[in-house]
Amino acid sequence: MIPDGVMESFKANVEVEKKQKCTKRLKRIMKEKNTSSNLCKKILTASNNVKAIMRRVMKQLRVGDQDE
């Protein structure tokens, strides 16, 4: 038979290990989400830049059409 103190210590160690694994996993997930969020922001910025360029080009084309 295993003494109570040893069993309690073992259970406590198991719980600590579970919490550490869970914490590591959560940190990894948060890092991945942060990376995804930053990527989405960059894509949005690039998209907005393309839209602005297209508006300028369209405006220049309209001005060019009026010259003819």
N, C-alpha and C. Protein backbone atom coordinates (compact mmCIF):
# COMPACT_ATOMS: atom_id res chain seq x y z
N MET A 1 0.84 -1.19 0.00
CA MET A 1 0.00 0.00 0.00
C MET A 1 0.88 1.25 0.00
N ILE A 2 0.40 2.28 -0.71
CA ILE A 2 1.16 3.53 -0.84
C ILE A 2 0.73 4.47 0.28
N PRO A 3 1.71 5.04 0.98
CA PRO A 3 1.38 5.99 2.05
C PRO A 3 0.62 7.20 1.50
N ASP A 4 -0.30 7.74 2.31
CA ASP A 4 -1.14 8.86 1.89
C ASP A 4 -0.31 10.07 1.44
N GLY A 5 0.72 10.39 2.17
CA GLY A 5 1.55 11.56 1.83
C GLY A 5 2.19 11.43 0.47
N VAL A 6 2.65 10.24 0.13
CA VAL A 6 3.28 10.02 -1.17
C VAL A 6 2.24 10.15 -2.29
N MET A 7 1.08 9.56 -2.07
CA MET A 7 0.02 9.62 -3.08
C MET A 7 -0.44 11.07 -3.31
N GLU A 8 -0.61 11.82 -2.23
CA GLU A 8 -1.02 13.22 -2.35
C GLU A 8 0.03 14.03 -3.09
N SER A 9 1.30 13.77 -2.79
CA SER A 9 2.39 14.47 -3.47
C SER A 9 2.39 14.14 -4.95
N PHE A 10 2.18 12.88 -5.28
CA PHE A 10 2.12 12.45 -6.68
C PHE A 10 0.97 13.15 -7.41
N LYS A 11 -0.19 13.16 -6.78
CA LYS A 11 -1.37 13.80 -7.38
C LYS A 11 -1.12 15.30 -7.59
N ALA A 12 -0.48 15.92 -6.61
CA ALA A 12 -0.18 17.35 -6.73
C ALA A 12 0.78 17.59 -7.89
N ASN A 13 1.78 16.74 -8.04
CA ASN A 13 2.73 16.89 -9.15
C ASN A 13 2.04 16.70 -10.49
N VAL A 14 1.15 15.75 -10.56
CA VAL A 14 0.40 15.52 -11.80
C VAL A 14 -0.42 16.75 -12.16
N GLU A 15 -1.08 17.34 -11.17
CA GLU A 15 -1.88 18.55 -11.40
C GLU A 15 -1.01 19.72 -11.88
N VAL A 16 0.16 19.86 -11.27
CA VAL A 16 1.08 20.93 -11.67
C VAL A 16 1.51 20.72 -13.12
N GLU A 17 1.83 19.51 -13.49
CA GLU A 17 2.23 19.21 -14.87
C GLU A 17 1.09 19.49 -15.85
N LYS A 18 -0.13 19.13 -15.47
CA LYS A 18 -1.29 19.40 -16.33
C LYS A 18 -1.45 20.91 -16.54
N LYS A 19 -1.33 21.67 -15.45
CA LYS A 19 -1.48 23.12 -15.54
C LYS A 19 -0.38 23.73 -16.39
N GLN A 20 0.85 23.23 -16.25
CA GLN A 20 1.96 23.74 -17.05
C GLN A 20 1.75 23.46 -18.54
N LYS A 21 1.30 22.25 -18.85
CA LYS A 21 1.02 21.90 -20.25
C LYS A 21 -0.10 22.78 -20.81
N CYS A 22 -1.11 22.98 -20.01
CA CYS A 22 -2.25 23.80 -20.43
C CYS A 22 -1.79 25.24 -20.66
N THR A 23 -0.98 25.75 -19.77
CA THR A 23 -0.47 27.11 -19.90
C THR A 23 0.38 27.26 -21.15
N LYS A 24 1.26 26.29 -21.41
CA LYS A 24 2.09 26.33 -22.61
C LYS A 24 1.22 26.31 -23.86
N ARG A 25 0.21 25.46 -23.84
CA ARG A 25 -0.69 25.35 -25.00
C ARG A 25 -1.43 26.66 -25.24
N LEU A 26 -1.94 27.25 -24.16
CA LEU A 26 -2.65 28.53 -24.28
C LEU A 26 -1.73 29.63 -24.80
N LYS A 27 -0.50 29.66 -24.32
CA LYS A 27 0.46 30.67 -24.80
C LYS A 27 0.74 30.48 -26.29
N ARG A 28 0.88 29.22 -26.72
CA ARG A 28 1.11 28.93 -28.13
C ARG A 28 -0.07 29.37 -28.97
N ILE A 29 -1.27 29.07 -28.50
CA ILE A 29 -2.49 29.45 -29.23
C ILE A 29 -2.59 30.98 -29.33
N MET A 30 -2.31 31.66 -28.22
CA MET A 30 -2.38 33.13 -28.23
C MET A 30 -1.35 33.72 -29.20
N LYS A 31 -0.17 33.12 -29.23
CA LYS A 31 0.87 33.59 -30.16
C LYS A 31 0.42 33.39 -31.60
N GLU A 32 -0.18 32.22 -31.88
CA GLU A 32 -0.68 31.95 -33.23
C GLU A 32 -1.79 32.92 -33.61
N LYS A 33 -2.69 33.20 -32.67
CA LYS A 33 -3.79 34.14 -32.95
C LYS A 33 -3.24 35.54 -33.18
N ASN A 34 -2.24 35.91 -32.39
CA ASN A 34 -1.64 37.23 -32.55
C ASN A 34 -0.98 37.33 -33.92
N THR A 35 -0.29 36.28 -34.32
CA THR A 35 0.36 36.24 -35.63
C THR A 35 -0.70 36.34 -36.73
N SER A 36 -1.79 35.61 -36.58
CA SER A 36 -2.89 35.66 -37.56
C SER A 36 -3.50 37.05 -37.63
N SER A 37 -3.68 37.64 -36.46
CA SER A 37 -4.26 38.98 -36.40
C SER A 37 -3.36 39.99 -37.10
N ASN A 38 -2.05 39.89 -36.85
CA ASN A 38 -1.12 40.80 -37.51
C ASN A 38 -1.12 40.60 -39.01
N LEU A 39 -1.20 39.35 -39.45
CA LEU A 39 -1.25 39.06 -40.87
C LEU A 39 -2.51 39.65 -41.51
N CYS A 40 -3.63 39.51 -40.81
CA CYS A 40 -4.89 40.07 -41.32
C CYS A 40 -4.79 41.59 -41.44
N LYS A 41 -4.16 42.23 -40.46
CA LYS A 41 -3.99 43.69 -40.51
C LYS A 41 -3.14 44.08 -41.71
N LYS A 42 -2.08 43.32 -41.98
CA LYS A 42 -1.22 43.62 -43.12
C LYS A 42 -1.97 43.44 -44.43
N ILE A 43 -2.77 42.40 -44.52
CA ILE A 43 -3.55 42.15 -45.73
C ILE A 43 -4.56 43.27 -45.95
N LEU A 44 -5.22 43.68 -44.87
CA LEU A 44 -6.19 44.77 -44.96
C LEU A 44 -5.53 46.06 -45.42
N THR A 45 -4.36 46.35 -44.85
CA THR A 45 -3.62 47.55 -45.23
C THR A 45 -3.24 47.49 -46.70
N ALA A 46 -2.75 46.34 -47.15
CA ALA A 46 -2.38 46.17 -48.56
C ALA A 46 -3.60 46.33 -49.45
N SER A 47 -4.71 45.78 -49.03
CA SER A 47 -5.95 45.89 -49.80
C SER A 47 -6.38 47.36 -49.91
N ASN A 48 -6.30 48.06 -48.81
CA ASN A 48 -6.67 49.48 -48.82
C ASN A 48 -5.72 50.28 -49.71
N ASN A 49 -4.44 49.91 -49.71
CA ASN A 49 -3.48 50.59 -50.57
C ASN A 49 -3.81 50.34 -52.04
N VAL A 50 -4.15 49.12 -52.37
CA VAL A 50 -4.52 48.79 -53.76
C VAL A 50 -5.76 49.56 -54.16
N LYS A 51 -6.73 49.64 -53.28
CA LYS A 51 -7.96 50.39 -53.59
C LYS A 51 -7.64 51.86 -53.85
N ALA A 52 -6.78 52.44 -53.02
CA ALA A 52 -6.40 53.85 -53.19
C ALA A 52 -5.69 54.05 -54.53
N ILE A 53 -4.81 53.14 -54.88
CA ILE A 53 -4.10 53.22 -56.16
C ILE A 53 -5.09 53.13 -57.32
N MET A 54 -6.03 52.21 -57.21
CA MET A 54 -7.03 52.03 -58.27
C MET A 54 -7.89 53.30 -58.42
N ARG A 55 -8.25 53.92 -57.30
CA ARG A 55 -9.03 55.16 -57.37
C ARG A 55 -8.24 56.25 -58.11
N ARG A 56 -6.93 56.36 -57.79
CA ARG A 56 -6.10 57.37 -58.46
C ARG A 56 -5.99 57.08 -59.95
N VAL A 57 -5.81 55.82 -60.29
CA VAL A 57 -5.70 55.45 -61.71
C VAL A 57 -7.00 55.77 -62.43
N MET A 58 -8.12 55.41 -61.83
CA MET A 58 -9.42 55.68 -62.45
C MET A 58 -9.63 57.18 -62.62
N LYS A 59 -9.21 57.95 -61.64
CA LYS A 59 -9.36 59.41 -61.72
C LYS A 59 -8.49 59.95 -62.85
N GLN A 60 -7.27 59.43 -62.96
CA GLN A 60 -6.38 59.87 -64.04
C GLN A 60 -6.93 59.48 -65.40
N LEU A 61 -7.54 58.30 -65.49
CA LEU A 61 -8.13 57.88 -66.75
C LEU A 61 -9.29 58.78 -67.15
N ARG A 62 -10.09 59.16 -66.17
CA ARG A 62 -11.21 60.07 -66.44
C ARG A 62 -10.69 61.42 -66.91
N VAL A 63 -9.65 61.94 -66.26
CA VAL A 63 -9.06 63.20 -66.66
C VAL A 63 -8.47 63.08 -68.06
N GLY A 64 -7.82 61.94 -68.32
CA GLY A 64 -7.24 61.71 -69.65
C GLY A 64 -8.29 61.65 -70.73
N ASP A 65 -9.46 61.08 -70.43
CA ASP A 65 -10.54 60.99 -71.41
C ASP A 65 -11.08 62.38 -71.74
N GLN A 66 -11.09 63.28 -70.79
CA GLN A 66 -11.60 64.63 -71.02
C GLN A 66 -10.68 65.44 -71.91
N ASP A 67 -9.37 65.12 -71.90
CA ASP A 67 -8.41 65.84 -72.73
C ASP A 67 -8.63 65.51 -74.20
N GLU A 68 -9.14 64.36 -74.51
CA GLU A 68 -9.29 63.94 -75.92
C GLU A 68 -10.45 64.56 -76.59
